[in-house]
Amino acid sequence: MSLLDLNSMAKALPQAWKSTVVGRVGGSNIKVLRMDEMPSAAEVHDYNEGLLVISGQLLLEVKGEVIRVAQGQLYLAEAGIAHAVLSGSHGTLVIVDI
């Protein structure tokens, strides 16, 4: 087992919103990324995606609703449902592809 400092890993990434795989559990990828204040276009996946905020906050728009995911909270983005990142998201995000 390895001890991972997710905040340090995210800060060291060369680009915001570009994740890197830090491990796998079963068939699931565990990824970390650094969020900045910039929005990103809506995404739709054919798998569920767990979005865990380690620091800062993640602001999402899902089905016309704004959802704020705070530090220590996890949002489950369901397969086939579009979700867009809104301005104001910042900090460290862990993504688990389920």
N, C-alpha and C. Protein backbone atom coordinates (compact mmCIF):
# COMPACT_ATOMS: atom_id res chain seq x y z
N MET A 1 0.85 -1.20 0.00
CA MET A 1 0.00 0.00 0.00
C MET A 1 0.88 1.24 0.00
N SER A 2 0.38 2.26 -0.67
CA SER A 2 1.08 3.53 -0.73
C SER A 2 0.21 4.62 -0.11
N LEU A 3 0.86 5.57 0.51
CA LEU A 3 0.18 6.74 1.04
C LEU A 3 0.26 7.83 -0.02
N LEU A 4 -0.89 8.37 -0.41
CA LEU A 4 -0.94 9.38 -1.47
C LEU A 4 -1.41 10.71 -0.89
N ASP A 5 -0.69 11.77 -1.17
CA ASP A 5 -1.10 13.13 -0.80
C ASP A 5 -1.81 13.72 -2.02
N LEU A 6 -3.13 13.59 -2.04
CA LEU A 6 -3.91 13.97 -3.21
C LEU A 6 -3.83 15.46 -3.51
N ASN A 7 -3.82 16.31 -2.49
CA ASN A 7 -3.70 17.75 -2.73
C ASN A 7 -2.37 18.09 -3.40
N SER A 8 -1.29 17.50 -2.91
CA SER A 8 0.03 17.75 -3.51
C SER A 8 0.09 17.23 -4.93
N MET A 9 -0.50 16.07 -5.17
CA MET A 9 -0.50 15.50 -6.52
C MET A 9 -1.27 16.41 -7.48
N ALA A 10 -2.41 16.91 -7.04
CA ALA A 10 -3.22 17.79 -7.89
C ALA A 10 -2.48 19.08 -8.20
N LYS A 11 -1.85 19.67 -7.19
CA LYS A 11 -1.11 20.92 -7.39
C LYS A 11 0.06 20.75 -8.36
N ALA A 12 0.65 19.55 -8.39
CA ALA A 12 1.80 19.29 -9.24
C ALA A 12 1.42 19.01 -10.70
N LEU A 13 0.14 18.81 -10.97
CA LEU A 13 -0.28 18.53 -12.34
C LEU A 13 -0.03 19.75 -13.23
N PRO A 14 0.41 19.54 -14.46
CA PRO A 14 0.75 20.66 -15.33
C PRO A 14 -0.45 21.47 -15.82
N GLN A 15 -1.64 20.90 -15.73
CA GLN A 15 -2.82 21.58 -16.27
C GLN A 15 -4.04 21.29 -15.41
N ALA A 16 -4.85 22.33 -15.17
CA ALA A 16 -6.12 22.14 -14.46
C ALA A 16 -7.07 21.34 -15.34
N TRP A 17 -7.96 20.63 -14.70
CA TRP A 17 -9.01 19.84 -15.36
C TRP A 17 -8.47 18.70 -16.21
N LYS A 18 -7.21 18.33 -16.01
CA LYS A 18 -6.62 17.20 -16.71
C LYS A 18 -6.24 16.17 -15.65
N SER A 19 -7.04 15.10 -15.55
CA SER A 19 -6.85 14.14 -14.47
C SER A 19 -5.71 13.17 -14.76
N THR A 20 -5.24 12.56 -13.68
CA THR A 20 -4.27 11.48 -13.79
C THR A 20 -4.75 10.32 -12.91
N VAL A 21 -4.57 9.11 -13.40
CA VAL A 21 -4.98 7.91 -12.64
C VAL A 21 -3.94 7.67 -11.55
N VAL A 22 -4.42 7.57 -10.30
CA VAL A 22 -3.52 7.33 -9.18
C VAL A 22 -3.63 5.90 -8.66
N GLY A 23 -4.64 5.16 -9.12
CA GLY A 23 -4.79 3.78 -8.71
C GLY A 23 -6.04 3.15 -9.29
N ARG A 24 -6.17 1.87 -9.04
CA ARG A 24 -7.35 1.12 -9.48
C ARG A 24 -7.84 0.27 -8.33
N VAL A 25 -9.15 0.17 -8.20
CA VAL A 25 -9.78 -0.71 -7.23
C VAL A 25 -10.79 -1.54 -8.02
N GLY A 26 -10.58 -2.85 -8.07
CA GLY A 26 -11.42 -3.67 -8.92
C GLY A 26 -11.30 -3.17 -10.34
N GLY A 27 -12.43 -2.88 -10.98
CA GLY A 27 -12.42 -2.34 -12.33
C GLY A 27 -12.54 -0.84 -12.38
N SER A 28 -12.39 -0.16 -11.25
CA SER A 28 -12.60 1.29 -11.19
C SER A 28 -11.27 2.05 -11.17
N ASN A 29 -11.19 3.09 -12.01
CA ASN A 29 -10.06 4.01 -11.95
C ASN A 29 -10.29 5.03 -10.86
N ILE A 30 -9.24 5.38 -10.14
CA ILE A 30 -9.27 6.48 -9.19
C ILE A 30 -8.35 7.55 -9.76
N LYS A 31 -8.92 8.74 -10.00
CA LYS A 31 -8.18 9.82 -10.64
C LYS A 31 -8.21 11.05 -9.75
N VAL A 32 -7.20 11.89 -9.90
CA VAL A 32 -7.15 13.17 -9.18
C VAL A 32 -6.92 14.27 -10.21
N LEU A 33 -7.49 15.44 -9.92
CA LEU A 33 -7.24 16.60 -10.77
C LEU A 33 -7.34 17.87 -9.96
N ARG A 34 -6.79 18.93 -10.53
CA ARG A 34 -6.84 20.26 -9.94
C ARG A 34 -7.92 21.06 -10.66
N MET A 35 -8.85 21.59 -9.89
CA MET A 35 -9.88 22.44 -10.47
C MET A 35 -9.40 23.89 -10.43
N ASP A 36 -9.80 24.67 -11.44
CA ASP A 36 -9.57 26.11 -11.37
C ASP A 36 -10.93 26.78 -11.52
N GLU A 37 -10.96 28.06 -11.65
CA GLU A 37 -12.21 28.80 -11.66
C GLU A 37 -12.97 28.70 -12.98
N MET A 38 -12.39 28.07 -13.98
CA MET A 38 -12.99 28.04 -15.31
C MET A 38 -14.07 26.96 -15.43
N PRO A 39 -15.12 27.27 -16.18
CA PRO A 39 -16.17 26.26 -16.41
C PRO A 39 -15.70 25.24 -17.46
N SER A 40 -16.41 24.14 -17.56
CA SER A 40 -16.16 23.19 -18.65
C SER A 40 -17.50 22.72 -19.20
N ALA A 41 -17.48 22.34 -20.44
CA ALA A 41 -18.69 21.93 -21.15
C ALA A 41 -19.28 20.66 -20.53
N ALA A 42 -20.55 20.47 -20.78
CA ALA A 42 -21.25 19.28 -20.27
C ALA A 42 -20.63 18.01 -20.82
N GLU A 43 -20.59 17.00 -19.96
CA GLU A 43 -20.10 15.68 -20.33
C GLU A 43 -21.18 14.65 -20.03
N VAL A 44 -21.18 13.58 -20.81
CA VAL A 44 -22.04 12.43 -20.57
C VAL A 44 -21.16 11.20 -20.67
N HIS A 45 -21.27 10.31 -19.70
CA HIS A 45 -20.48 9.08 -19.71
C HIS A 45 -21.41 7.87 -19.77
N ASP A 46 -20.87 6.74 -20.21
CA ASP A 46 -21.65 5.51 -20.21
C ASP A 46 -21.39 4.68 -18.95
N TYR A 47 -20.86 5.33 -17.94
CA TYR A 47 -20.59 4.72 -16.64
C TYR A 47 -20.88 5.76 -15.55
N ASN A 48 -21.13 5.29 -14.34
CA ASN A 48 -21.29 6.20 -13.20
C ASN A 48 -19.93 6.77 -12.84
N GLU A 49 -19.96 7.99 -12.30
CA GLU A 49 -18.73 8.68 -11.93
C GLU A 49 -18.92 9.29 -10.55
N GLY A 50 -18.08 8.91 -9.59
CA GLY A 50 -18.10 9.52 -8.27
C GLY A 50 -17.18 10.72 -8.26
N LEU A 51 -17.68 11.89 -7.84
CA LEU A 51 -16.91 13.13 -7.81
C LEU A 51 -16.76 13.55 -6.36
N LEU A 52 -15.57 13.33 -5.79
CA LEU A 52 -15.28 13.57 -4.38
C LEU A 52 -14.40 14.80 -4.25
N VAL A 53 -14.91 15.83 -3.58
CA VAL A 53 -14.14 17.06 -3.38
C VAL A 53 -13.25 16.90 -2.15
N ILE A 54 -11.95 16.99 -2.36
CA ILE A 54 -10.97 16.88 -1.27
C ILE A 54 -10.75 18.25 -0.63
N SER A 55 -10.65 19.29 -1.48
CA SER A 55 -10.53 20.66 -0.99
C SER A 55 -11.26 21.57 -1.97
N GLY A 56 -11.73 22.71 -1.47
CA GLY A 56 -12.43 23.66 -2.32
C GLY A 56 -13.89 23.29 -2.50
N GLN A 57 -14.40 23.52 -3.72
CA GLN A 57 -15.78 23.19 -4.03
C GLN A 57 -15.93 22.91 -5.52
N LEU A 58 -16.92 22.12 -5.85
CA LEU A 58 -17.27 21.81 -7.23
C LEU A 58 -18.69 22.30 -7.45
N LEU A 59 -18.87 23.11 -8.48
CA LEU A 59 -20.20 23.59 -8.84
C LEU A 59 -20.59 22.93 -10.15
N LEU A 60 -21.71 22.22 -10.13
CA LEU A 60 -22.20 21.48 -11.29
C LEU A 60 -23.56 21.98 -11.72
N GLU A 61 -23.86 21.82 -12.98
CA GLU A 61 -25.22 21.99 -13.47
C GLU A 61 -25.67 20.64 -14.02
N VAL A 62 -26.76 20.13 -13.44
CA VAL A 62 -27.31 18.84 -13.83
C VAL A 62 -28.81 19.02 -14.03
N LYS A 63 -29.29 18.74 -15.22
CA LYS A 63 -30.72 18.88 -15.54
C LYS A 63 -31.25 20.26 -15.18
N GLY A 64 -30.45 21.32 -15.44
CA GLY A 64 -30.87 22.68 -15.16
C GLY A 64 -30.75 23.11 -13.71
N GLU A 65 -30.30 22.23 -12.83
CA GLU A 65 -30.15 22.52 -11.40
C GLU A 65 -28.68 22.74 -11.07
N VAL A 66 -28.38 23.76 -10.26
CA VAL A 66 -27.02 24.00 -9.79
C VAL A 66 -26.80 23.19 -8.51
N ILE A 67 -25.73 22.44 -8.50
CA ILE A 67 -25.39 21.59 -7.35
C ILE A 67 -24.01 22.00 -6.85
N ARG A 68 -23.92 22.31 -5.57
CA ARG A 68 -22.65 22.65 -4.94
C ARG A 68 -22.17 21.44 -4.16
N VAL A 69 -20.99 20.95 -4.51
CA VAL A 69 -20.37 19.83 -3.81
C VAL A 69 -19.22 20.41 -2.99
N ALA A 70 -19.36 20.36 -1.68
CA ALA A 70 -18.38 20.96 -0.78
C ALA A 70 -17.28 19.96 -0.41
N GLN A 71 -16.23 20.49 0.21
CA GLN A 71 -15.13 19.65 0.69
C GLN A 71 -15.68 18.52 1.55
N GLY A 72 -15.26 17.30 1.24
CA GLY A 72 -15.71 16.13 2.00
C GLY A 72 -16.99 15.51 1.47
N GLN A 73 -17.59 16.13 0.45
CA GLN A 73 -18.81 15.58 -0.14
C GLN A 73 -18.52 14.89 -1.46
N LEU A 74 -19.38 13.93 -1.80
CA LEU A 74 -19.26 13.18 -3.04
C LEU A 74 -20.56 13.30 -3.81
N TYR A 75 -20.46 13.57 -5.10
CA TYR A 75 -21.62 13.60 -5.98
C TYR A 75 -21.52 12.41 -6.93
N LEU A 76 -22.59 11.66 -7.08
CA LEU A 76 -22.61 10.54 -8.01
C LEU A 76 -23.24 11.01 -9.31
N ALA A 77 -22.43 11.15 -10.34
CA ALA A 77 -22.91 11.52 -11.68
C ALA A 77 -23.31 10.22 -12.37
N GLU A 78 -24.60 10.08 -12.60
CA GLU A 78 -25.11 8.83 -13.15
C GLU A 78 -24.83 8.72 -14.65
N ALA A 79 -24.61 7.51 -15.09
CA ALA A 79 -24.37 7.23 -16.51
C ALA A 79 -25.51 7.79 -17.34
N GLY A 80 -25.16 8.40 -18.47
CA GLY A 80 -26.16 8.91 -19.39
C GLY A 80 -26.74 10.26 -19.05
N ILE A 81 -26.36 10.85 -17.91
CA ILE A 81 -26.88 12.16 -17.49
C ILE A 81 -25.78 13.21 -17.67
N ALA A 82 -26.08 14.26 -18.43
CA ALA A 82 -25.10 15.32 -18.68
C ALA A 82 -24.84 16.12 -17.40
N HIS A 83 -23.59 16.47 -17.18
CA HIS A 83 -23.20 17.33 -16.06
C HIS A 83 -22.11 18.29 -16.54
N ALA A 84 -22.29 19.57 -16.23
CA ALA A 84 -21.34 20.61 -16.64
C ALA A 84 -20.75 21.25 -15.39
N VAL A 85 -19.47 21.60 -15.46
CA VAL A 85 -18.80 22.31 -14.38
C VAL A 85 -19.00 23.81 -14.57
N LEU A 86 -19.39 24.49 -13.51
CA LEU A 86 -19.65 25.93 -13.55
C LEU A 86 -18.45 26.72 -13.02
N SER A 87 -18.37 28.00 -13.42
CA SER A 87 -17.34 28.89 -12.89
C SER A 87 -17.40 28.91 -11.37
N GLY A 88 -16.25 29.01 -10.74
CA GLY A 88 -16.19 29.06 -9.28
C GLY A 88 -15.73 27.76 -8.66
N SER A 89 -15.65 26.69 -9.46
CA SER A 89 -15.13 25.42 -8.95
C SER A 89 -13.62 25.57 -8.76
N HIS A 90 -13.09 25.09 -7.64
CA HIS A 90 -11.66 25.19 -7.38
C HIS A 90 -11.26 24.15 -6.33
N GLY A 91 -9.99 23.81 -6.31
CA GLY A 91 -9.47 22.88 -5.32
C GLY A 91 -9.07 21.56 -5.94
N THR A 92 -9.19 20.50 -5.14
CA THR A 92 -8.77 19.16 -5.55
C THR A 92 -10.00 18.26 -5.65
N LEU A 93 -10.07 17.54 -6.77
CA LEU A 93 -11.20 16.63 -7.02
C LEU A 93 -10.66 15.24 -7.28
N VAL A 94 -11.28 14.24 -6.64
CA VAL A 94 -10.99 12.84 -6.93
C VAL A 94 -12.18 12.30 -7.70
N ILE A 95 -11.89 11.61 -8.80
CA ILE A 95 -12.93 11.00 -9.64
C ILE A 95 -12.77 9.50 -9.57
N VAL A 96 -13.87 8.81 -9.28
CA VAL A 96 -13.87 7.35 -9.29
C VAL A 96 -14.82 6.91 -10.39
N ASP A 97 -14.27 6.27 -11.44
CA ASP A 97 -15.09 5.73 -12.51
C ASP A 97 -15.65 4.39 -12.05
N ILE A 98 -16.97 4.31 -11.97
CA ILE A 98 -17.60 3.12 -11.42
C ILE A 98 -18.21 2.30 -12.54
